[in-house]
């Protein structure tokens, strides 16, 4: 019998709904080979027979009212948790389960949390706007990181502006956004991560700032719309397949004369008429 409905989120698997109402439920560490990291809003709502819940250390986020109306929940056990993990468990009003140390905040358009350096990281975009300007600060703290998968599969997204406070963007952060057309990147970024814009099939323009030193593997894979790209002087390395499948790309300007560029490995499956112009 299937126990859970689930979906893929920014950093693993989210439990969306519990389909059983037993006295004891064990939330698995993995589903389909991916870590279970999130318990979704009202996932266990009204599981009135639930008395014992077993969680693993892979859980990093519990959405609002995930265990609402679990009136008989008396015991929560953490399994496979390293000693000194610093997790504390409490039951809030209406049976809402809280684990301190992994709390995530909910803004109007973003899920976010405090990063290791004390600044803010964007975990997931939850808005519906087609044009998004990521805030430079939240709760008085600078936004410095956009986590992996944060905007992946945002189907309505057409334009993104990344503030100059952001220094890093995780893998697949904007991948699979089929309507995304333009992106303005931060002037503080030093690299574009692997698969960051993979399969953004309507992406026509990306302004790569002069602070970027590395363009990751498959970063613009199958971005079929761009015709011209300028690789700024700051770039010293481009990963394998970074522009694979960019079949309308006809002109690439390379501003760094010392950049070693293997056309066959970086631009394969591109337009055979592609010109690489060094300045």
C-alpha atoms as a PDB file:
ATOM      1  CA  UNK A   1       0.000   0.000   0.000  1.00  0.00           C
ATOM      2  CA  UNK A   2       1.317   3.424  -0.938  1.00  0.00           C
ATOM      3  CA  UNK A   3       2.014   5.428   2.219  1.00  0.00           C
ATOM      4  CA  UNK A   4       2.787   8.905   0.875  1.00  0.00           C
ATOM      5  CA  UNK A   5       2.175  11.309  -1.945  1.00  0.00           C
ATOM      6  CA  UNK A   6       5.412  13.164  -2.650  1.00  0.00           C
ATOM      7  CA  UNK A   7       7.118  15.515  -5.079  1.00  0.00           C
ATOM      8  CA  UNK A   8      10.591  16.785  -5.887  1.00  0.00           C
ATOM      9  CA  UNK A   9      11.681  20.083  -4.333  1.00  0.00           C
ATOM     10  CA  UNK A  10      14.841  22.200  -4.310  1.00  0.00           C
ATOM     11  CA  UNK A  11      16.992  19.817  -2.296  1.00  0.00           C
ATOM     12  CA  UNK A  12      15.313  16.424  -2.420  1.00  0.00           C
ATOM     13  CA  UNK A  13      11.870  14.899  -1.853  1.00  0.00           C
ATOM     14  CA  UNK A  14       8.904  16.518  -0.109  1.00  0.00           C
ATOM     15  CA  UNK A  15       6.212  14.451   1.593  1.00  0.00           C
ATOM     16  CA  UNK A  16       2.978  16.112   0.435  1.00  0.00           C
ATOM     17  CA  UNK A  17       0.351  13.851   2.009  1.00  0.00           C
ATOM     18  CA  UNK A  18       0.291  10.849   4.279  1.00  0.00           C
ATOM     19  CA  UNK A  19      -2.109   8.232   2.910  1.00  0.00           C
ATOM     20  CA  UNK A  20      -2.263   6.038   6.014  1.00  0.00           C
ATOM     21  CA  UNK A  21      -3.441   6.720   9.555  1.00  0.00           C
ATOM     22  CA  UNK A  22      -1.542   4.321  11.788  1.00  0.00           C
ATOM     23  CA  UNK A  23      -0.334   4.598  15.363  1.00  0.00           C
ATOM     24  CA  UNK A  24       3.308   4.530  14.198  1.00  0.00           C
ATOM     25  CA  UNK A  25       4.706   6.066  11.021  1.00  0.00           C
ATOM     26  CA  UNK A  26       8.305   6.009   9.821  1.00  0.00           C
ATOM     27  CA  UNK A  27       9.281   8.678   7.307  1.00  0.00           C
ATOM     28  CA  UNK A  28      11.871   7.101   4.981  1.00  0.00           C
ATOM     29  CA  UNK A  29      15.332   8.537   4.526  1.00  0.00           C
ATOM     30  CA  UNK A  30      15.112   8.182   0.733  1.00  0.00           C
ATOM     31  CA  UNK A  31      12.484   7.841  -1.960  1.00  0.00           C
ATOM     32  CA  UNK A  32      13.519   6.861  -5.491  1.00  0.00           C
ATOM     33  CA  UNK A  33      17.167   7.344  -4.528  1.00  0.00           C
ATOM     34  CA  UNK A  34      16.754  10.948  -3.316  1.00  0.00           C
ATOM     35  CA  UNK A  35      16.832  12.184   0.267  1.00  0.00           C
ATOM     36  CA  UNK A  36      13.532  13.032   1.907  1.00  0.00           C
ATOM     37  CA  UNK A  37      14.205  16.571   3.123  1.00  0.00           C
ATOM     38  CA  UNK A  38      10.811  18.238   3.511  1.00  0.00           C
ATOM     39  CA  UNK A  39       7.458  17.581   5.113  1.00  0.00           C
ATOM     40  CA  UNK A  40       4.873  19.651   3.287  1.00  0.00           C
ATOM     41  CA  UNK A  41       2.108  21.858   4.664  1.00  0.00           C
ATOM     42  CA  UNK A  42      -0.673  19.776   6.239  1.00  0.00           C
ATOM     43  CA  UNK A  43       0.981  16.577   5.018  1.00  0.00           C
ATOM     44  CA  UNK A  44      -0.218  14.689   8.131  1.00  0.00           C
ATOM     45  CA  UNK A  45      -3.266  16.819   8.809  1.00  0.00           C
ATOM     46  CA  UNK A  46      -5.904  15.000  10.857  1.00  0.00           C
ATOM     47  CA  UNK A  47      -3.922  11.764  11.297  1.00  0.00           C
ATOM     48  CA  UNK A  48      -5.758  11.202  14.570  1.00  0.00           C
ATOM     49  CA  UNK A  49      -4.419   7.693  15.196  1.00  0.00           C
ATOM     50  CA  UNK A  50      -0.788   8.749  14.935  1.00  0.00           C
ATOM     51  CA  UNK A  51       1.036   8.321  18.260  1.00  0.00           C
ATOM     52  CA  UNK A  52       4.677   7.736  17.299  1.00  0.00           C
ATOM     53  CA  UNK A  53       6.577   9.436  14.491  1.00  0.00           C
ATOM     54  CA  UNK A  54      10.081   8.527  13.383  1.00  0.00           C
ATOM     55  CA  UNK A  55      12.122  11.123  11.447  1.00  0.00           C
ATOM     56  CA  UNK A  56      15.620  10.873   9.963  1.00  0.00           C
ATOM     57  CA  UNK A  57      18.390  13.444   9.926  1.00  0.00           C
ATOM     58  CA  UNK A  58      17.702  14.095   6.244  1.00  0.00           C
ATOM     59  CA  UNK A  59      14.693  16.263   7.187  1.00  0.00           C
ATOM     60  CA  UNK A  60      15.661  19.939   6.953  1.00  0.00           C
ATOM     61  CA  UNK A  61      12.284  21.624   6.626  1.00  0.00           C
ATOM     62  CA  UNK A  62       8.802  21.152   8.026  1.00  0.00           C
ATOM     63  CA  UNK A  63       6.118  23.336   6.490  1.00  0.00           C
ATOM     64  CA  UNK A  64       3.328  25.026   8.379  1.00  0.00           C
ATOM     65  CA  UNK A  65       0.688  22.874  10.093  1.00  0.00           C
ATOM     66  CA  UNK A  66       2.340  19.723   8.782  1.00  0.00           C
ATOM     67  CA  UNK A  67       0.988  17.764  11.777  1.00  0.00           C
ATOM     68  CA  UNK A  68      -2.132  19.770  12.517  1.00  0.00           C
ATOM     69  CA  UNK A  69      -4.886  17.894  14.372  1.00  0.00           C
ATOM     70  CA  UNK A  70      -2.608  14.959  15.189  1.00  0.00           C
ATOM     71  CA  UNK A  71      -4.202  14.991  18.618  1.00  0.00           C
ATOM     72  CA  UNK A  72      -2.658  11.719  19.820  1.00  0.00           C
ATOM     73  CA  UNK A  73       0.919  12.327  18.700  1.00  0.00           C
ATOM     74  CA  UNK A  74       2.969  11.750  21.834  1.00  0.00           C
ATOM     75  CA  UNK A  75       6.429  10.653  20.709  1.00  0.00           C
ATOM     76  CA  UNK A  76       8.831  11.775  17.998  1.00  0.00           C
ATOM     77  CA  UNK A  77      12.069   9.829  17.466  1.00  0.00           C
ATOM     78  CA  UNK A  78      14.996  11.067  15.390  1.00  0.00           C
ATOM     79  CA  UNK A  79      16.836   8.232  13.659  1.00  0.00           C
ATOM     80  CA  UNK A  80      20.336   8.368  12.143  1.00  0.00           C
ATOM     81  CA  UNK A  81      21.027  11.729  13.781  1.00  0.00           C
ATOM     82  CA  UNK A  82      24.638  12.493  14.681  1.00  0.00           C
ATOM     83  CA  UNK A  83      25.372  13.156  18.331  1.00  0.00           C
ATOM     84  CA  UNK A  84      25.245  16.836  19.137  1.00  0.00           C
ATOM     85  CA  UNK A  85      22.988  17.665  16.202  1.00  0.00           C
ATOM     86  CA  UNK A  86      21.264  20.348  18.247  1.00  0.00           C
ATOM     87  CA  UNK A  87      17.699  19.427  17.239  1.00  0.00           C
ATOM     88  CA  UNK A  88      14.889  20.056  19.702  1.00  0.00           C
ATOM     89  CA  UNK A  89      11.309  18.917  19.252  1.00  0.00           C
ATOM     90  CA  UNK A  90       8.159  20.619  20.444  1.00  0.00           C
ATOM     91  CA  UNK A  91       4.468  20.477  19.657  1.00  0.00           C
ATOM     92  CA  UNK A  92       2.890  23.816  18.931  1.00  0.00           C
ATOM     93  CA  UNK A  93      -0.722  24.826  18.924  1.00  0.00           C
ATOM     94  CA  UNK A  94      -3.073  22.645  16.901  1.00  0.00           C
ATOM     95  CA  UNK A  95      -0.523  19.826  16.942  1.00  0.00           C
ATOM     96  CA  UNK A  96       2.028  21.603  14.749  1.00  0.00           C
ATOM     97  CA  UNK A  97       5.428  19.917  15.046  1.00  0.00           C
ATOM     98  CA  UNK A  98       8.502  22.122  15.341  1.00  0.00           C
ATOM     99  CA  UNK A  99      12.169  21.165  15.137  1.00  0.00           C
ATOM    100  CA  UNK A 100      14.430  23.996  16.230  1.00  0.00           C
ATOM    101  CA  UNK A 101      17.618  24.561  14.276  1.00  0.00           C
ATOM    102  CA  UNK A 102      16.111  23.905  10.842  1.00  0.00           C
ATOM    103  CA  UNK A 103      13.327  26.478  10.778  1.00  0.00           C
ATOM    104  CA  UNK A 104      12.638  28.151   7.489  1.00  0.00           C
ATOM    105  CA  UNK A 105      10.838  31.471   7.101  1.00  0.00           C
ATOM    106  CA  UNK A 106       8.041  32.160   4.652  1.00  0.00           C
ATOM    107  CA  UNK A 107       7.985  35.465   2.831  1.00  0.00           C
ATOM    108  CA  UNK A 108       5.354  36.558   0.358  1.00  0.00           C
ATOM    109  CA  UNK A 109       7.245  35.067  -2.580  1.00  0.00           C
ATOM    110  CA  UNK A 110      10.148  33.115  -1.101  1.00  0.00           C
ATOM    111  CA  UNK A 111      11.068  30.407   1.335  1.00  0.00           C
ATOM    112  CA  UNK A 112      14.329  31.489   2.932  1.00  0.00           C
ATOM    113  CA  UNK A 113      16.607  30.696   5.847  1.00  0.00           C
ATOM    114  CA  UNK A 114      19.769  31.827   7.571  1.00  0.00           C
ATOM    115  CA  UNK A 115      22.884  30.559   5.812  1.00  0.00           C
ATOM    116  CA  UNK A 116      26.012  29.332   7.599  1.00  0.00           C
ATOM    117  CA  UNK A 117      27.571  32.796   7.351  1.00  0.00           C
ATOM    118  CA  UNK A 118      24.557  34.381   9.056  1.00  0.00           C
ATOM    119  CA  UNK A 119      23.168  35.956   5.898  1.00  0.00           C
ATOM    120  CA  UNK A 120      20.019  34.998   3.992  1.00  0.00           C
ATOM    121  CA  UNK A 121      19.709  32.254   1.400  1.00  0.00           C
ATOM    122  CA  UNK A 122      16.743  31.839  -0.946  1.00  0.00           C
ATOM    123  CA  UNK A 123      15.570  28.231  -0.782  1.00  0.00           C
ATOM    124  CA  UNK A 124      12.568  28.336  -3.068  1.00  0.00           C
ATOM    125  CA  UNK A 125      10.531  30.822  -5.060  1.00  0.00           C
ATOM    126  CA  UNK A 126       6.814  30.343  -4.368  1.00  0.00           C
ATOM    127  CA  UNK A 127       5.354  33.382  -6.126  1.00  0.00           C
ATOM    128  CA  UNK A 128       3.492  33.526  -9.411  1.00  0.00           C
ATOM    129  CA  UNK A 129       4.876  36.708 -10.972  1.00  0.00           C
ATOM    130  CA  UNK A 130       6.392  36.515 -14.430  1.00  0.00           C
ATOM    131  CA  UNK A 131       9.044  39.145 -13.618  1.00  0.00           C
ATOM    132  CA  UNK A 132      11.008  38.771 -10.387  1.00  0.00           C
ATOM    133  CA  UNK A 133      13.520  41.039  -8.687  1.00  0.00           C
ATOM    134  CA  UNK A 134      15.161  39.078  -5.900  1.00  0.00           C
ATOM    135  CA  UNK A 135      15.444  41.332  -2.833  1.00  0.00           C
ATOM    136  CA  UNK A 136      18.877  42.496  -1.774  1.00  0.00           C
ATOM    137  CA  UNK A 137      17.964  42.024   1.889  1.00  0.00           C
ATOM    138  CA  UNK A 138      15.374  40.229   4.017  1.00  0.00           C
ATOM    139  CA  UNK A 139      14.794  40.923   7.695  1.00  0.00           C
ATOM    140  CA  UNK A 140      17.649  43.444   7.560  1.00  0.00           C
ATOM    141  CA  UNK A 141      20.196  40.858   6.378  1.00  0.00           C
ATOM    142  CA  UNK A 142      21.754  40.642   2.912  1.00  0.00           C
ATOM    143  CA  UNK A 143      20.641  37.939   0.502  1.00  0.00           C
ATOM    144  CA  UNK A 144      23.878  36.258  -0.557  1.00  0.00           C
ATOM    145  CA  UNK A 145      22.870  32.849  -1.904  1.00  0.00           C
ATOM    146  CA  UNK A 146      20.265  31.332  -4.213  1.00  0.00           C
ATOM    147  CA  UNK A 147      20.111  27.633  -3.404  1.00  0.00           C
ATOM    148  CA  UNK A 148      20.059  24.812  -5.901  1.00  0.00           C
ATOM    149  CA  UNK A 149      16.687  24.205  -7.566  1.00  0.00           C
ATOM    150  CA  UNK A 150      15.332  27.481  -6.101  1.00  0.00           C
ATOM    151  CA  UNK A 151      13.512  28.520  -9.296  1.00  0.00           C
ATOM    152  CA  UNK A 152      13.522  25.217 -11.183  1.00  0.00           C
ATOM    153  CA  UNK A 153      10.265  24.466 -13.020  1.00  0.00           C
ATOM    154  CA  UNK A 154       8.870  27.984 -12.467  1.00  0.00           C
ATOM    155  CA  UNK A 155       6.634  27.793 -15.505  1.00  0.00           C
ATOM    156  CA  UNK A 156       5.496  31.446 -15.629  1.00  0.00           C
ATOM    157  CA  UNK A 157       8.876  33.097 -15.030  1.00  0.00           C
ATOM    158  CA  UNK A 158      10.043  35.391 -17.870  1.00  0.00           C
ATOM    159  CA  UNK A 159      12.583  37.780 -16.291  1.00  0.00           C
ATOM    160  CA  UNK A 160      14.858  37.685 -13.235  1.00  0.00           C
ATOM    161  CA  UNK A 161      17.081  40.330 -11.669  1.00  0.00           C
ATOM    162  CA  UNK A 162      19.647  39.029  -9.179  1.00  0.00           C
ATOM    163  CA  UNK A 163      20.885  41.717  -6.720  1.00  0.00           C
ATOM    164  CA  UNK A 164      24.543  42.558  -6.322  1.00  0.00           C
ATOM    165  CA  UNK A 165      24.536  41.102  -2.801  1.00  0.00           C
ATOM    166  CA  UNK A 166      24.322  37.560  -4.207  1.00  0.00           C
ATOM    167  CA  UNK A 167      27.676  35.819  -4.471  1.00  0.00           C
ATOM    168  CA  UNK A 168      26.626  32.247  -5.272  1.00  0.00           C
ATOM    169  CA  UNK A 169      23.884  30.394  -7.127  1.00  0.00           C
ATOM    170  CA  UNK A 170      23.365  26.659  -6.709  1.00  0.00           C
ATOM    171  CA  UNK A 171      23.052  23.964  -9.340  1.00  0.00           C
ATOM    172  CA  UNK A 172      19.862  23.906 -11.410  1.00  0.00           C
ATOM    173  CA  UNK A 173      18.736  27.153  -9.736  1.00  0.00           C
ATOM    174  CA  UNK A 174      16.913  28.368 -12.871  1.00  0.00           C
ATOM    175  CA  UNK A 175      16.805  25.160 -14.870  1.00  0.00           C
ATOM    176  CA  UNK A 176      13.702  24.060 -16.759  1.00  0.00           C
ATOM    177  CA  UNK A 177      11.992  27.475 -16.786  1.00  0.00           C
ATOM    178  CA  UNK A 178      10.518  27.307 -20.300  1.00  0.00           C
ATOM    179  CA  UNK A 179       9.341  30.941 -20.490  1.00  0.00           C
ATOM    180  CA  UNK A 180      12.415  32.589 -18.959  1.00  0.00           C
ATOM    181  CA  UNK A 181      13.764  35.147 -21.436  1.00  0.00           C
ATOM    182  CA  UNK A 182      16.209  37.485 -19.666  1.00  0.00           C
ATOM    183  CA  UNK A 183      18.396  37.298 -16.566  1.00  0.00           C
ATOM    184  CA  UNK A 184      20.415  40.097 -14.977  1.00  0.00           C
ATOM    185  CA  UNK A 185      23.087  38.514 -12.802  1.00  0.00           C
ATOM    186  CA  UNK A 186      24.784  39.950  -9.744  1.00  0.00           C
ATOM    187  CA  UNK A 187      27.984  41.948 -10.169  1.00  0.00           C
ATOM    188  CA  UNK A 188      29.383  40.095  -7.148  1.00  0.00           C
ATOM    189  CA  UNK A 189      29.085  36.576  -8.553  1.00  0.00           C
ATOM    190  CA  UNK A 190      32.295  34.708  -9.283  1.00  0.00           C
ATOM    191  CA  UNK A 191      30.823  31.619 -10.935  1.00  0.00           C
ATOM    192  CA  UNK A 192      27.777  30.295 -12.751  1.00  0.00           C
ATOM    193  CA  UNK A 193      27.068  26.828 -11.392  1.00  0.00           C
ATOM    194  CA  UNK A 194      26.545  23.550 -13.210  1.00  0.00           C
ATOM    195  CA  UNK A 195      23.187  23.321 -15.024  1.00  0.00           C
ATOM    196  CA  UNK A 196      22.130  26.744 -13.723  1.00  0.00           C
ATOM    197  CA  UNK A 197      20.083  27.563 -16.842  1.00  0.00           C
ATOM    198  CA  UNK A 198      19.748  24.117 -18.418  1.00  0.00           C
ATOM    199  CA  UNK A 199      16.795  23.764 -20.776  1.00  0.00           C
ATOM    200  CA  UNK A 200      15.601  27.358 -20.510  1.00  0.00           C
ATOM    201  CA  UNK A 201      14.438  27.131 -24.080  1.00  0.00           C
ATOM    202  CA  UNK A 202      13.229  30.742 -24.395  1.00  0.00           C
ATOM    203  CA  UNK A 203      16.238  32.367 -22.779  1.00  0.00           C
ATOM    204  CA  UNK A 204      17.428  35.027 -25.196  1.00  0.00           C
ATOM    205  CA  UNK A 205      19.680  37.178 -23.057  1.00  0.00           C
ATOM    206  CA  UNK A 206      21.986  36.704 -20.088  1.00  0.00           C
ATOM    207  CA  UNK A 207      24.225  39.516 -18.903  1.00  0.00           C
ATOM    208  CA  UNK A 208      27.326  37.799 -17.532  1.00  0.00           C
ATOM    209  CA  UNK A 209      29.010  40.206 -15.155  1.00  0.00           C
ATOM    210  CA  UNK A 210      32.717  40.963 -15.244  1.00  0.00           C
ATOM    211  CA  UNK A 211      33.142  39.336 -11.820  1.00  0.00           C
ATOM    212  CA  UNK A 212      32.399  35.799 -13.085  1.00  0.00           C
ATOM    213  CA  UNK A 213      35.515  33.640 -13.353  1.00  0.00           C
ATOM    214  CA  UNK A 214      33.935  30.241 -14.012  1.00  0.00           C
ATOM    215  CA  UNK A 215      30.993  29.085 -16.146  1.00  0.00           C
ATOM    216  CA  UNK A 216      29.952  25.619 -14.990  1.00  0.00           C
ATOM    217  CA  UNK A 217      29.357  22.397 -16.860  1.00  0.00           C
ATOM    218  CA  UNK A 218      26.118  22.352 -18.860  1.00  0.00           C
ATOM    219  CA  UNK A 219      25.336  25.827 -17.495  1.00  0.00           C
ATOM    220  CA  UNK A 220      23.377  26.845 -20.615  1.00  0.00           C
ATOM    221  CA  UNK A 221      22.616  23.391 -21.983  1.00  0.00           C
ATOM    222  CA  UNK A 222      19.878  23.438 -24.643  1.00  0.00           C
ATOM    223  CA  UNK A 223      19.256  27.160 -24.373  1.00  0.00           C
ATOM    224  CA  UNK A 224      18.273  27.273 -28.015  1.00  0.00           C
ATOM    225  CA  UNK A 225      17.408  30.966 -28.444  1.00  0.00           C
ATOM    226  CA  UNK A 226      20.636  32.994 -27.880  1.00  0.00           C
ATOM    227  CA  UNK A 227      22.430  34.078 -31.039  1.00  0.00           C
ATOM    228  CA  UNK A 228      25.223  36.139 -29.454  1.00  0.00           C
ATOM    229  CA  UNK A 229      27.075  35.811 -26.160  1.00  0.00           C
ATOM    230  CA  UNK A 230      29.853  37.898 -24.662  1.00  0.00           C
ATOM    231  CA  UNK A 231      32.199  36.049 -22.313  1.00  0.00           C
ATOM    232  CA  UNK A 232      33.798  38.776 -20.201  1.00  0.00           C
ATOM    233  CA  UNK A 233      37.478  39.250 -19.533  1.00  0.00           C
ATOM    234  CA  UNK A 234      37.112  37.918 -15.972  1.00  0.00           C
ATOM    235  CA  UNK A 235      36.234  34.361 -17.101  1.00  0.00           C
ATOM    236  CA  UNK A 236      39.212  32.010 -16.794  1.00  0.00           C
ATOM    237  CA  UNK A 237      37.484  28.626 -17.177  1.00  0.00           C
ATOM    238  CA  UNK A 238      34.413  27.200 -18.891  1.00  0.00           C
ATOM    239  CA  UNK A 239      33.114  23.743 -17.969  1.00  0.00           C
ATOM    240  CA  UNK A 240      32.409  20.823 -20.254  1.00  0.00           C
ATOM    241  CA  UNK A 241      29.220  21.183 -22.305  1.00  0.00           C
ATOM    242  CA  UNK A 242      28.497  24.661 -20.956  1.00  0.00           C
ATOM    243  CA  UNK A 243      26.760  25.666 -24.210  1.00  0.00           C
ATOM    244  CA  UNK A 244      25.788  22.207 -25.461  1.00  0.00           C
ATOM    245  CA  UNK A 245      22.762  22.310 -27.757  1.00  0.00           C
ATOM    246  CA  UNK A 246      22.669  26.103 -28.170  1.00  0.00           C
ATOM    247  CA  UNK A 247      21.916  25.542 -31.806  1.00  0.00           C
ATOM    248  CA  UNK A 248      21.102  29.143 -32.785  1.00  0.00           C
ATOM    249  CA  UNK A 249      24.341  30.499 -31.333  1.00  0.00           C
ATOM    250  CA  UNK A 250      26.326  32.049 -34.191  1.00  0.00           C
ATOM    251  CA  UNK A 251      28.681  34.501 -32.480  1.00  0.00           C
ATOM    252  CA  UNK A 252      30.650  34.294 -29.235  1.00  0.00           C
ATOM    253  CA  UNK A 253      32.913  37.143 -28.178  1.00  0.00           C
ATOM    254  CA  UNK A 254      35.734  36.111 -25.821  1.00  0.00           C
ATOM    255  CA  UNK A 255      37.272  39.108 -24.072  1.00  0.00           C
ATOM    256  CA  UNK A 256      39.995  37.229 -22.197  1.00  0.00           C
ATOM    257  CA  UNK A 257      42.834  36.490 -24.654  1.00  0.00           C
ATOM    258  CA  UNK A 258      44.281  33.893 -22.274  1.00  0.00           C
ATOM    259  CA  UNK A 259      41.095  31.851 -21.890  1.00  0.00           C
ATOM    260  CA  UNK A 260      41.710  28.303 -23.089  1.00  0.00           C
ATOM    261  CA  UNK A 261      38.604  27.248 -24.969  1.00  0.00           C
ATOM    262  CA  UNK A 262      37.971  23.858 -26.544  1.00  0.00           C
ATOM    263  CA  UNK A 263      35.207  24.526 -29.038  1.00  0.00           C
ATOM    264  CA  UNK A 264      34.358  20.848 -29.463  1.00  0.00           C
ATOM    265  CA  UNK A 265      33.771  20.185 -25.759  1.00  0.00           C
ATOM    266  CA  UNK A 266      32.130  23.487 -24.803  1.00  0.00           C
ATOM    267  CA  UNK A 267      29.993  24.221 -27.880  1.00  0.00           C
ATOM    268  CA  UNK A 268      29.127  20.800 -29.260  1.00  0.00           C
ATOM    269  CA  UNK A 269      25.691  20.350 -30.832  1.00  0.00           C
ATOM    270  CA  UNK A 270      25.737  24.046 -31.705  1.00  0.00           C
ATOM    271  CA  UNK A 271      25.381  25.815 -35.051  1.00  0.00           C
ATOM    272  CA  UNK A 272      28.181  24.651 -37.368  1.00  0.00           C
ATOM    273  CA  UNK A 273      28.551  28.292 -38.498  1.00  0.00           C
ATOM    274  CA  UNK A 274      29.413  29.409 -34.966  1.00  0.00           C
ATOM    275  CA  UNK A 275      32.180  32.037 -34.871  1.00  0.00           C
ATOM    276  CA  UNK A 276      34.352  32.550 -31.807  1.00  0.00           C
ATOM    277  CA  UNK A 277      35.815  36.031 -31.808  1.00  0.00           C
ATOM    278  CA  UNK A 278      38.704  36.878 -29.530  1.00  0.00           C
ATOM    279  CA  UNK A 279      39.329  40.465 -28.543  1.00  0.00           C
END
